[in-house]
ModelCIF file with pLDDT and N, C-alpha, C, O atoms, coordinates in Angstrom:
data_MODEL
#
_entry.id   MODEL 
#
_entity.id                         1 
_entity.type                       polymer 
_entity.pdbx_number_of_molecules   1 
#
_entity_poly.entity_id                      1 
_entity_poly.type                           'polypeptide(L)' 
_entity_poly.nstd_linkage                   no 
_entity_poly.nstd_monomer                   no 
_entity_poly.pdbx_seq_one_letter_code       
;(UNK)(UNK)(UNK)(UNK)(UNK)(UNK)(UNK)(UNK)(UNK)(UNK)(UNK)(UNK)(UNK)(UNK)(UNK)(UNK)
(UNK)(UNK)(UNK)(UNK)(UNK)(UNK)(UNK)(UNK)(UNK)(UNK)(UNK)(UNK)(UNK)(UNK)(UNK)
;
_entity_poly.pdbx_seq_one_letter_code_can   XXXXXXXXXXXXXXXXXXXXXXXXXXXXXXX 
_entity_poly.pdbx_strand_id                 A 
#
loop_
_entity_poly_seq.entity_id 
_entity_poly_seq.num 
_entity_poly_seq.mon_id 
_entity_poly_seq.hetero 
1 1  UNK n 
1 2  UNK n 
1 3  UNK n 
1 4  UNK n 
1 5  UNK n 
1 6  UNK n 
1 7  UNK n 
1 8  UNK n 
1 9  UNK n 
1 10 UNK n 
1 11 UNK n 
1 12 UNK n 
1 13 UNK n 
1 14 UNK n 
1 15 UNK n 
1 16 UNK n 
1 17 UNK n 
1 18 UNK n 
1 19 UNK n 
1 20 UNK n 
1 21 UNK n 
1 22 UNK n 
1 23 UNK n 
1 24 UNK n 
1 25 UNK n 
1 26 UNK n 
1 27 UNK n 
1 28 UNK n 
1 29 UNK n 
1 30 UNK n 
1 31 UNK n 
#
_struct_asym.id          A 
_struct_asym.entity_id   1 
#
loop_
_ma_qa_metric.id 
_ma_qa_metric.mode 
_ma_qa_metric.name 
_ma_qa_metric.software_group_id 
_ma_qa_metric.type 
1 global pLDDT . pLDDT 
2 local  pLDDT . pLDDT 
#
_ma_qa_metric_global.metric_id      1 
_ma_qa_metric_global.metric_value   95.68 
_ma_qa_metric_global.model_id       1 
_ma_qa_metric_global.ordinal_id     1 
#
loop_
_ma_qa_metric_local.label_asym_id 
_ma_qa_metric_local.label_comp_id 
_ma_qa_metric_local.label_seq_id 
_ma_qa_metric_local.metric_id 
_ma_qa_metric_local.metric_value 
_ma_qa_metric_local.model_id 
_ma_qa_metric_local.ordinal_id 
A UNK 1  2 97.00 1 1  
A UNK 2  2 97.00 1 2  
A UNK 3  2 95.00 1 3  
A UNK 4  2 93.00 1 4  
A UNK 5  2 95.00 1 5  
A UNK 6  2 97.00 1 6  
A UNK 7  2 97.00 1 7  
A UNK 8  2 97.00 1 8  
A UNK 9  2 97.00 1 9  
A UNK 10 2 97.00 1 10 
A UNK 11 2 98.00 1 11 
A UNK 12 2 97.00 1 12 
A UNK 13 2 96.00 1 13 
A UNK 14 2 97.00 1 14 
A UNK 15 2 97.00 1 15 
A UNK 16 2 96.00 1 16 
A UNK 17 2 96.00 1 17 
A UNK 18 2 96.00 1 18 
A UNK 19 2 96.00 1 19 
A UNK 20 2 95.00 1 20 
A UNK 21 2 94.00 1 21 
A UNK 22 2 96.00 1 22 
A UNK 23 2 97.00 1 23 
A UNK 24 2 94.00 1 24 
A UNK 25 2 94.00 1 25 
A UNK 26 2 96.00 1 26 
A UNK 27 2 95.00 1 27 
A UNK 28 2 92.00 1 28 
A UNK 29 2 94.00 1 29 
A UNK 30 2 95.00 1 30 
A UNK 31 2 93.00 1 31 
#
loop_
_atom_site.group_PDB 
_atom_site.id 
_atom_site.type_symbol 
_atom_site.label_atom_id 
_atom_site.label_alt_id 
_atom_site.label_comp_id 
_atom_site.label_asym_id 
_atom_site.label_entity_id 
_atom_site.label_seq_id 
_atom_site.pdbx_PDB_ins_code 
_atom_site.Cartn_x 
_atom_site.Cartn_y 
_atom_site.Cartn_z 
_atom_site.occupancy 
_atom_site.B_iso_or_equiv 
_atom_site.pdbx_formal_charge 
_atom_site.auth_seq_id 
_atom_site.auth_comp_id 
_atom_site.auth_asym_id 
_atom_site.auth_atom_id 
_atom_site.pdbx_PDB_model_num 
ATOM 1   N N  . UNK A 1 1  ? 117.361 148.410 -91.831 1.00 97.00 ? 1  UNK A N  1 
ATOM 2   C CA . UNK A 1 1  ? 117.992 146.709 -91.305 1.00 97.00 ? 1  UNK A CA 1 
ATOM 3   C C  . UNK A 1 1  ? 117.146 145.588 -91.770 1.00 97.00 ? 1  UNK A C  1 
ATOM 4   O O  . UNK A 1 1  ? 115.940 145.354 -91.681 1.00 97.00 ? 1  UNK A O  1 
ATOM 5   N N  . UNK A 1 2  ? 118.239 144.915 -92.338 1.00 97.00 ? 2  UNK A N  1 
ATOM 6   C CA . UNK A 1 2  ? 117.029 143.580 -92.916 1.00 97.00 ? 2  UNK A CA 1 
ATOM 7   C C  . UNK A 1 2  ? 117.795 142.322 -92.229 1.00 97.00 ? 2  UNK A C  1 
ATOM 8   O O  . UNK A 1 2  ? 118.919 141.874 -92.455 1.00 97.00 ? 2  UNK A O  1 
ATOM 9   N N  . UNK A 1 3  ? 116.934 141.971 -91.442 1.00 95.00 ? 3  UNK A N  1 
ATOM 10  C CA . UNK A 1 3  ? 117.055 141.208 -90.883 1.00 95.00 ? 3  UNK A CA 1 
ATOM 11  C C  . UNK A 1 3  ? 117.250 139.734 -91.494 1.00 95.00 ? 3  UNK A C  1 
ATOM 12  O O  . UNK A 1 3  ? 116.890 139.670 -92.669 1.00 95.00 ? 3  UNK A O  1 
ATOM 13  N N  . UNK A 1 4  ? 117.727 138.569 -90.966 1.00 93.00 ? 4  UNK A N  1 
ATOM 14  C CA . UNK A 1 4  ? 117.945 137.259 -91.459 1.00 93.00 ? 4  UNK A CA 1 
ATOM 15  C C  . UNK A 1 4  ? 116.804 136.630 -91.618 1.00 93.00 ? 4  UNK A C  1 
ATOM 16  O O  . UNK A 1 4  ? 116.828 135.833 -92.555 1.00 93.00 ? 4  UNK A O  1 
ATOM 17  N N  . UNK A 1 5  ? 115.301 136.734 -90.746 1.00 95.00 ? 5  UNK A N  1 
ATOM 18  C CA . UNK A 1 5  ? 114.232 136.469 -90.469 1.00 95.00 ? 5  UNK A CA 1 
ATOM 19  C C  . UNK A 1 5  ? 113.382 137.292 -91.098 1.00 95.00 ? 5  UNK A C  1 
ATOM 20  O O  . UNK A 1 5  ? 112.253 136.885 -90.826 1.00 95.00 ? 5  UNK A O  1 
ATOM 21  N N  . UNK A 1 6  ? 113.315 138.304 -91.848 1.00 97.00 ? 6  UNK A N  1 
ATOM 22  C CA . UNK A 1 6  ? 112.804 139.182 -92.160 1.00 97.00 ? 6  UNK A CA 1 
ATOM 23  C C  . UNK A 1 6  ? 111.927 138.999 -93.309 1.00 97.00 ? 6  UNK A C  1 
ATOM 24  O O  . UNK A 1 6  ? 112.515 138.412 -94.218 1.00 97.00 ? 6  UNK A O  1 
ATOM 25  N N  . UNK A 1 7  ? 110.817 139.278 -93.557 1.00 97.00 ? 7  UNK A N  1 
ATOM 26  C CA . UNK A 1 7  ? 110.164 138.745 -94.888 1.00 97.00 ? 7  UNK A CA 1 
ATOM 27  C C  . UNK A 1 7  ? 109.776 140.057 -95.548 1.00 97.00 ? 7  UNK A C  1 
ATOM 28  O O  . UNK A 1 7  ? 109.384 141.076 -94.981 1.00 97.00 ? 7  UNK A O  1 
ATOM 29  N N  . UNK A 1 8  ? 109.927 139.883 -96.642 1.00 97.00 ? 8  UNK A N  1 
ATOM 30  C CA . UNK A 1 8  ? 109.414 140.745 -97.798 1.00 97.00 ? 8  UNK A CA 1 
ATOM 31  C C  . UNK A 1 8  ? 108.973 141.972 -97.918 1.00 97.00 ? 8  UNK A C  1 
ATOM 32  O O  . UNK A 1 8  ? 109.463 143.002 -98.380 1.00 97.00 ? 8  UNK A O  1 
ATOM 33  N N  . UNK A 1 9  ? 107.378 141.547 -97.140 1.00 97.00 ? 9  UNK A N  1 
ATOM 34  C CA . UNK A 1 9  ? 106.177 142.833 -96.681 1.00 97.00 ? 9  UNK A CA 1 
ATOM 35  C C  . UNK A 1 9  ? 106.628 143.566 -95.726 1.00 97.00 ? 9  UNK A C  1 
ATOM 36  O O  . UNK A 1 9  ? 106.603 144.790 -95.855 1.00 97.00 ? 9  UNK A O  1 
ATOM 37  N N  . UNK A 1 10 ? 107.234 142.849 -94.339 1.00 97.00 ? 10 UNK A N  1 
ATOM 38  C CA . UNK A 1 10 ? 107.449 143.675 -93.369 1.00 97.00 ? 10 UNK A CA 1 
ATOM 39  C C  . UNK A 1 10 ? 108.929 144.867 -93.837 1.00 97.00 ? 10 UNK A C  1 
ATOM 40  O O  . UNK A 1 10 ? 108.972 146.007 -93.373 1.00 97.00 ? 10 UNK A O  1 
ATOM 41  N N  . UNK A 1 11 ? 110.066 144.295 -94.840 1.00 98.00 ? 11 UNK A N  1 
ATOM 42  C CA . UNK A 1 11 ? 110.635 145.203 -95.134 1.00 98.00 ? 11 UNK A CA 1 
ATOM 43  C C  . UNK A 1 11 ? 110.214 146.321 -96.012 1.00 98.00 ? 11 UNK A C  1 
ATOM 44  O O  . UNK A 1 11 ? 110.673 147.463 -96.023 1.00 98.00 ? 11 UNK A O  1 
ATOM 45  N N  . UNK A 1 12 ? 109.052 145.701 -96.916 1.00 97.00 ? 12 UNK A N  1 
ATOM 46  C CA . UNK A 1 12 ? 108.385 146.945 -97.728 1.00 97.00 ? 12 UNK A CA 1 
ATOM 47  C C  . UNK A 1 12 ? 107.702 147.908 -96.697 1.00 97.00 ? 12 UNK A C  1 
ATOM 48  O O  . UNK A 1 12 ? 108.176 149.044 -96.664 1.00 97.00 ? 12 UNK A O  1 
ATOM 49  N N  . UNK A 1 13 ? 106.723 147.646 -95.901 1.00 96.00 ? 13 UNK A N  1 
ATOM 50  C CA . UNK A 1 13 ? 106.203 148.203 -94.861 1.00 96.00 ? 13 UNK A CA 1 
ATOM 51  C C  . UNK A 1 13 ? 106.936 149.072 -94.291 1.00 96.00 ? 13 UNK A C  1 
ATOM 52  O O  . UNK A 1 13 ? 106.572 150.248 -94.331 1.00 96.00 ? 13 UNK A O  1 
ATOM 53  N N  . UNK A 1 14 ? 108.475 148.610 -93.440 1.00 97.00 ? 14 UNK A N  1 
ATOM 54  C CA . UNK A 1 14 ? 109.110 149.246 -92.893 1.00 97.00 ? 14 UNK A CA 1 
ATOM 55  C C  . UNK A 1 14 ? 109.789 150.284 -93.888 1.00 97.00 ? 14 UNK A C  1 
ATOM 56  O O  . UNK A 1 14 ? 110.375 151.116 -93.195 1.00 97.00 ? 14 UNK A O  1 
ATOM 57  N N  . UNK A 1 15 ? 109.907 150.504 -94.957 1.00 97.00 ? 15 UNK A N  1 
ATOM 58  C CA . UNK A 1 15 ? 110.772 151.082 -95.924 1.00 97.00 ? 15 UNK A CA 1 
ATOM 59  C C  . UNK A 1 15 ? 109.507 152.273 -96.283 1.00 97.00 ? 15 UNK A C  1 
ATOM 60  O O  . UNK A 1 15 ? 109.864 153.446 -96.174 1.00 97.00 ? 15 UNK A O  1 
ATOM 61  N N  . UNK A 1 16 ? 108.249 152.046 -96.647 1.00 96.00 ? 16 UNK A N  1 
ATOM 62  C CA . UNK A 1 16 ? 106.927 152.881 -96.834 1.00 96.00 ? 16 UNK A CA 1 
ATOM 63  C C  . UNK A 1 16 ? 107.089 153.558 -95.882 1.00 96.00 ? 16 UNK A C  1 
ATOM 64  O O  . UNK A 1 16 ? 107.691 154.614 -96.079 1.00 96.00 ? 16 UNK A O  1 
ATOM 65  N N  . UNK A 1 17 ? 106.587 153.218 -94.342 1.00 96.00 ? 17 UNK A N  1 
ATOM 66  C CA . UNK A 1 17 ? 106.762 154.204 -93.077 1.00 96.00 ? 17 UNK A CA 1 
ATOM 67  C C  . UNK A 1 17 ? 107.975 155.025 -93.265 1.00 96.00 ? 17 UNK A C  1 
ATOM 68  O O  . UNK A 1 17 ? 107.608 156.200 -93.307 1.00 96.00 ? 17 UNK A O  1 
ATOM 69  N N  . UNK A 1 18 ? 109.105 154.945 -93.381 1.00 96.00 ? 18 UNK A N  1 
ATOM 70  C CA . UNK A 1 18 ? 110.040 155.315 -93.213 1.00 96.00 ? 18 UNK A CA 1 
ATOM 71  C C  . UNK A 1 18 ? 110.198 156.599 -94.218 1.00 96.00 ? 18 UNK A C  1 
ATOM 72  O O  . UNK A 1 18 ? 110.810 157.626 -93.926 1.00 96.00 ? 18 UNK A O  1 
ATOM 73  N N  . UNK A 1 19 ? 109.507 156.336 -95.499 1.00 96.00 ? 19 UNK A N  1 
ATOM 74  C CA . UNK A 1 19 ? 109.634 157.365 -96.606 1.00 96.00 ? 19 UNK A CA 1 
ATOM 75  C C  . UNK A 1 19 ? 108.493 158.368 -95.812 1.00 96.00 ? 19 UNK A C  1 
ATOM 76  O O  . UNK A 1 19 ? 108.690 159.556 -95.556 1.00 96.00 ? 19 UNK A O  1 
ATOM 77  N N  . UNK A 1 20 ? 107.533 157.771 -95.562 1.00 95.00 ? 20 UNK A N  1 
ATOM 78  C CA . UNK A 1 20 ? 106.172 158.919 -95.292 1.00 95.00 ? 20 UNK A CA 1 
ATOM 79  C C  . UNK A 1 20 ? 107.022 159.700 -93.951 1.00 95.00 ? 20 UNK A C  1 
ATOM 80  O O  . UNK A 1 20 ? 106.606 160.848 -93.794 1.00 95.00 ? 20 UNK A O  1 
ATOM 81  N N  . UNK A 1 21 ? 108.177 159.281 -92.915 1.00 94.00 ? 21 UNK A N  1 
ATOM 82  C CA . UNK A 1 21 ? 108.588 160.090 -92.025 1.00 94.00 ? 21 UNK A CA 1 
ATOM 83  C C  . UNK A 1 21 ? 109.210 161.325 -92.796 1.00 94.00 ? 21 UNK A C  1 
ATOM 84  O O  . UNK A 1 21 ? 108.859 162.504 -92.844 1.00 94.00 ? 21 UNK A O  1 
ATOM 85  N N  . UNK A 1 22 ? 110.318 160.599 -93.417 1.00 96.00 ? 22 UNK A N  1 
ATOM 86  C CA . UNK A 1 22 ? 111.286 161.551 -94.342 1.00 96.00 ? 22 UNK A CA 1 
ATOM 87  C C  . UNK A 1 22 ? 111.277 162.545 -95.113 1.00 96.00 ? 22 UNK A C  1 
ATOM 88  O O  . UNK A 1 22 ? 111.829 163.644 -95.094 1.00 96.00 ? 22 UNK A O  1 
ATOM 89  N N  . UNK A 1 23 ? 110.297 161.816 -96.076 1.00 97.00 ? 23 UNK A N  1 
ATOM 90  C CA . UNK A 1 23 ? 110.209 163.202 -97.197 1.00 97.00 ? 23 UNK A CA 1 
ATOM 91  C C  . UNK A 1 23 ? 109.660 163.857 -96.397 1.00 97.00 ? 23 UNK A C  1 
ATOM 92  O O  . UNK A 1 23 ? 110.641 164.203 -95.739 1.00 97.00 ? 23 UNK A O  1 
ATOM 93  N N  . UNK A 1 24 ? 108.581 164.449 -95.782 1.00 94.00 ? 24 UNK A N  1 
ATOM 94  C CA . UNK A 1 24 ? 107.918 165.548 -95.713 1.00 94.00 ? 24 UNK A CA 1 
ATOM 95  C C  . UNK A 1 24 ? 109.220 166.628 -94.552 1.00 94.00 ? 24 UNK A C  1 
ATOM 96  O O  . UNK A 1 24 ? 109.407 167.845 -94.559 1.00 94.00 ? 24 UNK A O  1 
ATOM 97  N N  . UNK A 1 25 ? 109.856 165.582 -93.729 1.00 94.00 ? 25 UNK A N  1 
ATOM 98  C CA . UNK A 1 25 ? 110.854 166.406 -93.397 1.00 94.00 ? 25 UNK A CA 1 
ATOM 99  C C  . UNK A 1 25 ? 111.505 166.990 -93.677 1.00 94.00 ? 25 UNK A C  1 
ATOM 100 O O  . UNK A 1 25 ? 111.715 168.041 -93.071 1.00 94.00 ? 25 UNK A O  1 
ATOM 101 N N  . UNK A 1 26 ? 112.292 166.570 -94.926 1.00 96.00 ? 26 UNK A N  1 
ATOM 102 C CA . UNK A 1 26 ? 113.824 167.049 -95.796 1.00 96.00 ? 26 UNK A CA 1 
ATOM 103 C C  . UNK A 1 26 ? 113.005 168.120 -96.648 1.00 96.00 ? 26 UNK A C  1 
ATOM 104 O O  . UNK A 1 26 ? 113.512 169.096 -97.199 1.00 96.00 ? 26 UNK A O  1 
ATOM 105 N N  . UNK A 1 27 ? 111.718 167.793 -96.665 1.00 95.00 ? 27 UNK A N  1 
ATOM 106 C CA . UNK A 1 27 ? 110.914 168.914 -97.709 1.00 95.00 ? 27 UNK A CA 1 
ATOM 107 C C  . UNK A 1 27 ? 110.705 170.808 -96.868 1.00 95.00 ? 27 UNK A C  1 
ATOM 108 O O  . UNK A 1 27 ? 110.715 171.999 -97.180 1.00 95.00 ? 27 UNK A O  1 
ATOM 109 N N  . UNK A 1 28 ? 110.561 170.018 -95.850 1.00 92.00 ? 28 UNK A N  1 
ATOM 110 C CA . UNK A 1 28 ? 110.514 171.066 -94.768 1.00 92.00 ? 28 UNK A CA 1 
ATOM 111 C C  . UNK A 1 28 ? 111.709 171.987 -94.466 1.00 92.00 ? 28 UNK A C  1 
ATOM 112 O O  . UNK A 1 28 ? 111.678 173.203 -94.276 1.00 92.00 ? 28 UNK A O  1 
ATOM 113 N N  . UNK A 1 29 ? 112.797 171.137 -94.460 1.00 94.00 ? 29 UNK A N  1 
ATOM 114 C CA . UNK A 1 29 ? 114.274 171.930 -94.388 1.00 94.00 ? 29 UNK A CA 1 
ATOM 115 C C  . UNK A 1 29 ? 114.421 172.153 -95.385 1.00 94.00 ? 29 UNK A C  1 
ATOM 116 O O  . UNK A 1 29 ? 115.369 172.931 -95.276 1.00 94.00 ? 29 UNK A O  1 
ATOM 117 N N  . UNK A 1 30 ? 114.181 172.078 -96.612 1.00 95.00 ? 30 UNK A N  1 
ATOM 118 C CA . UNK A 1 30 ? 114.325 172.675 -97.840 1.00 95.00 ? 30 UNK A CA 1 
ATOM 119 C C  . UNK A 1 30 ? 113.986 173.806 -97.758 1.00 95.00 ? 30 UNK A C  1 
ATOM 120 O O  . UNK A 1 30 ? 114.706 174.804 -97.712 1.00 95.00 ? 30 UNK A O  1 
ATOM 121 N N  . UNK A 1 31 ? 112.632 173.718 -97.730 1.00 93.00 ? 31 UNK A N  1 
ATOM 122 C CA . UNK A 1 31 ? 111.763 175.022 -97.672 1.00 93.00 ? 31 UNK A CA 1 
ATOM 123 C C  . UNK A 1 31 ? 112.107 176.106 -96.877 1.00 93.00 ? 31 UNK A C  1 
ATOM 124 O O  . UNK A 1 31 ? 111.397 177.111 -96.862 1.00 93.00 ? 31 UNK A O  1 
#
């Protein structure tokens, strides 16, 4: 979610953290 007061660096950090959680989990499920 992108809040009205969110700065780009916060958005980028949150997206990067989500990638680190989601990608390994999905790969594990595929395998």
